[in-house]
Amino acid sequence: MKTIHVFHDIHQLYAEFIENKNYPKLESLSNWGKNRFFFNQHFRMIEDWHHTEQIVIEFNNQFYSLDTGTAPDFMDKEKYMEWLSVELLSQQVQ
């Protein structure tokens, strides 16, 4: 697993994830499924919450709770990356 230190790394991993033909067809997954599959590939996830739309990930030794119910379409790169950026920045510890 590649160590993710900055948000730019997430952009790169997202692009690679979308382009990789080795994954199951992403179109067959729900938006929640796409989010969960992506985060599970690249982040440590808190599994206790897997039954809800909340996905808790660890990024730079900090935990983030992402409400994938508010996420735009995972395949819409610009809107999705903007949403993810806002989610991560709004939860950063000062």
C-alpha atoms as a PDB file:
ATOM      1  CA  MET A   1       0.000   0.000   0.000  1.00  0.00           C
ATOM      2  CA  LYS A   2       1.365   3.394  -0.974  1.00  0.00           C
ATOM      3  CA  THR A   3       1.775   5.804   1.933  1.00  0.00           C
ATOM      4  CA  ILE A   4      -0.438   8.836   1.459  1.00  0.00           C
ATOM      5  CA  HIS A   5       0.910  12.068   2.897  1.00  0.00           C
ATOM      6  CA  VAL A   6      -0.804  14.847   0.969  1.00  0.00           C
ATOM      7  CA  PHE A   7      -4.112  15.363  -0.789  1.00  0.00           C
ATOM      8  CA  HIS A   8      -2.337  15.311  -4.160  1.00  0.00           C
ATOM      9  CA  ASP A   9      -1.481  11.651  -3.499  1.00  0.00           C
ATOM     10  CA  ILE A  10      -5.211  10.936  -3.171  1.00  0.00           C
ATOM     11  CA  HIS A  11      -5.816  12.568  -6.573  1.00  0.00           C
ATOM     12  CA  GLN A  12      -3.200  10.279  -8.115  1.00  0.00           C
ATOM     13  CA  LEU A  13      -4.565   7.152  -6.444  1.00  0.00           C
ATOM     14  CA  TYR A  14      -8.097   8.082  -7.514  1.00  0.00           C
ATOM     15  CA  ALA A  15      -6.993   8.469 -11.151  1.00  0.00           C
ATOM     16  CA  GLU A  16      -5.149   5.138 -11.046  1.00  0.00           C
ATOM     17  CA  PHE A  17      -8.160   3.465  -9.418  1.00  0.00           C
ATOM     18  CA  ILE A  18     -10.555   4.723 -12.103  1.00  0.00           C
ATOM     19  CA  GLU A  19      -8.202   3.719 -14.951  1.00  0.00           C
ATOM     20  CA  ASN A  20      -7.188   0.289 -13.597  1.00  0.00           C
ATOM     21  CA  LYS A  21      -8.830  -2.505 -15.547  1.00  0.00           C
ATOM     22  CA  ASN A  22      -7.973  -5.104 -12.865  1.00  0.00           C
ATOM     23  CA  TYR A  23     -10.752  -3.980 -10.545  1.00  0.00           C
ATOM     24  CA  PRO A  24     -14.286  -5.295 -10.958  1.00  0.00           C
ATOM     25  CA  LYS A  25     -16.428  -3.138 -13.169  1.00  0.00           C
ATOM     26  CA  LEU A  26     -16.981  -0.032 -11.063  1.00  0.00           C
ATOM     27  CA  GLU A  27     -20.208   0.684 -12.935  1.00  0.00           C
ATOM     28  CA  SER A  28     -21.773  -2.362 -11.257  1.00  0.00           C
ATOM     29  CA  LEU A  29     -21.170  -0.930  -7.773  1.00  0.00           C
ATOM     30  CA  SER A  30     -23.345   1.612  -5.972  1.00  0.00           C
ATOM     31  CA  ASN A  31     -21.818   4.990  -5.139  1.00  0.00           C
ATOM     32  CA  TRP A  32     -21.293   3.738  -1.562  1.00  0.00           C
ATOM     33  CA  GLY A  33     -19.657   0.577  -2.917  1.00  0.00           C
ATOM     34  CA  LYS A  34     -17.257   2.564  -5.091  1.00  0.00           C
ATOM     35  CA  ASN A  35     -16.302   4.774  -2.140  1.00  0.00           C
ATOM     36  CA  ARG A  36     -15.820   1.827   0.182  1.00  0.00           C
ATOM     37  CA  PHE A  37     -13.819  -0.149  -2.373  1.00  0.00           C
ATOM     38  CA  PHE A  38     -11.537   2.838  -3.085  1.00  0.00           C
ATOM     39  CA  PHE A  39     -10.941   3.734   0.570  1.00  0.00           C
ATOM     40  CA  ASN A  40     -10.429   0.095   1.517  1.00  0.00           C
ATOM     41  CA  GLN A  41      -7.677  -0.174  -1.118  1.00  0.00           C
ATOM     42  CA  HIS A  42      -5.717   2.867   0.075  1.00  0.00           C
ATOM     43  CA  PHE A  43      -6.567   3.724   3.687  1.00  0.00           C
ATOM     44  CA  ARG A  44      -6.912   2.047   7.042  1.00  0.00           C
ATOM     45  CA  MET A  45     -10.649   1.871   7.649  1.00  0.00           C
ATOM     46  CA  ILE A  46     -12.589   1.491  10.882  1.00  0.00           C
ATOM     47  CA  GLU A  47     -14.683  -1.569  10.094  1.00  0.00           C
ATOM     48  CA  ASP A  48     -17.244  -1.201  12.894  1.00  0.00           C
ATOM     49  CA  TRP A  49     -19.158   1.342  10.848  1.00  0.00           C
ATOM     50  CA  HIS A  50     -19.352  -0.552   7.558  1.00  0.00           C
ATOM     51  CA  HIS A  51     -23.135  -0.946   7.693  1.00  0.00           C
ATOM     52  CA  THR A  52     -23.843   2.779   7.336  1.00  0.00           C
ATOM     53  CA  GLU A  53     -22.977   5.416   4.764  1.00  0.00           C
ATOM     54  CA  GLN A  54     -20.309   6.671   7.186  1.00  0.00           C
ATOM     55  CA  ILE A  55     -16.812   5.575   6.243  1.00  0.00           C
ATOM     56  CA  VAL A  56     -14.072   6.281   8.776  1.00  0.00           C
ATOM     57  CA  ILE A  57     -10.547   6.376   7.371  1.00  0.00           C
ATOM     58  CA  GLU A  58      -7.119   7.141   8.762  1.00  0.00           C
ATOM     59  CA  PHE A  59      -5.083   9.721   6.837  1.00  0.00           C
ATOM     60  CA  ASN A  60      -1.820  11.154   8.210  1.00  0.00           C
ATOM     61  CA  ASN A  61      -2.417   9.627  11.661  1.00  0.00           C
ATOM     62  CA  GLN A  62      -5.798  11.312  11.938  1.00  0.00           C
ATOM     63  CA  PHE A  63      -9.264   9.780  11.593  1.00  0.00           C
ATOM     64  CA  TYR A  64     -11.874  11.212   9.257  1.00  0.00           C
ATOM     65  CA  SER A  65     -15.551  10.324   9.159  1.00  0.00           C
ATOM     66  CA  LEU A  66     -16.858  10.643   5.620  1.00  0.00           C
ATOM     67  CA  ASP A  67     -20.592  10.666   4.973  1.00  0.00           C
ATOM     68  CA  THR A  68     -20.725   8.983   1.581  1.00  0.00           C
ATOM     69  CA  GLY A  69     -24.461   9.675   1.499  1.00  0.00           C
ATOM     70  CA  THR A  70     -23.564  13.280   0.690  1.00  0.00           C
ATOM     71  CA  ALA A  71     -20.847  12.358  -1.815  1.00  0.00           C
ATOM     72  CA  PRO A  72     -21.362  13.222  -5.462  1.00  0.00           C
ATOM     73  CA  ASP A  73     -21.080  10.505  -8.093  1.00  0.00           C
ATOM     74  CA  PHE A  74     -17.742   8.770  -7.487  1.00  0.00           C
ATOM     75  CA  MET A  75     -17.012   8.747 -11.228  1.00  0.00           C
ATOM     76  CA  ASP A  76     -17.362  12.567 -11.524  1.00  0.00           C
ATOM     77  CA  LYS A  77     -13.725  13.385 -10.759  1.00  0.00           C
ATOM     78  CA  GLU A  78     -13.999  17.175 -10.334  1.00  0.00           C
ATOM     79  CA  LYS A  79     -17.054  17.131  -8.066  1.00  0.00           C
ATOM     80  CA  TYR A  80     -15.863  14.094  -6.142  1.00  0.00           C
ATOM     81  CA  MET A  81     -12.368  15.454  -5.447  1.00  0.00           C
ATOM     82  CA  GLU A  82     -13.852  18.802  -4.403  1.00  0.00           C
ATOM     83  CA  TRP A  83     -16.221  17.032  -1.982  1.00  0.00           C
ATOM     84  CA  LEU A  84     -13.422  14.875  -0.563  1.00  0.00           C
ATOM     85  CA  SER A  85     -11.131  17.874  -0.134  1.00  0.00           C
ATOM     86  CA  VAL A  86     -13.820  19.804   1.767  1.00  0.00           C
ATOM     87  CA  GLU A  87     -14.567  16.764   3.953  1.00  0.00           C
ATOM     88  CA  LEU A  88     -10.908  16.262   4.875  1.00  0.00           C
ATOM     89  CA  LEU A  89     -10.100  19.944   5.403  1.00  0.00           C
ATOM     90  CA  SER A  90     -13.176  20.574   7.542  1.00  0.00           C
ATOM     91  CA  GLN A  91     -12.127  17.836   9.961  1.00  0.00           C
ATOM     92  CA  GLN A  92      -8.445  18.722  10.262  1.00  0.00           C
ATOM     93  CA  VAL A  93      -7.178  19.264  13.775  1.00  0.00           C
ATOM     94  CA  GLN A  94      -5.746  22.752  14.092  1.00  0.00           C
END
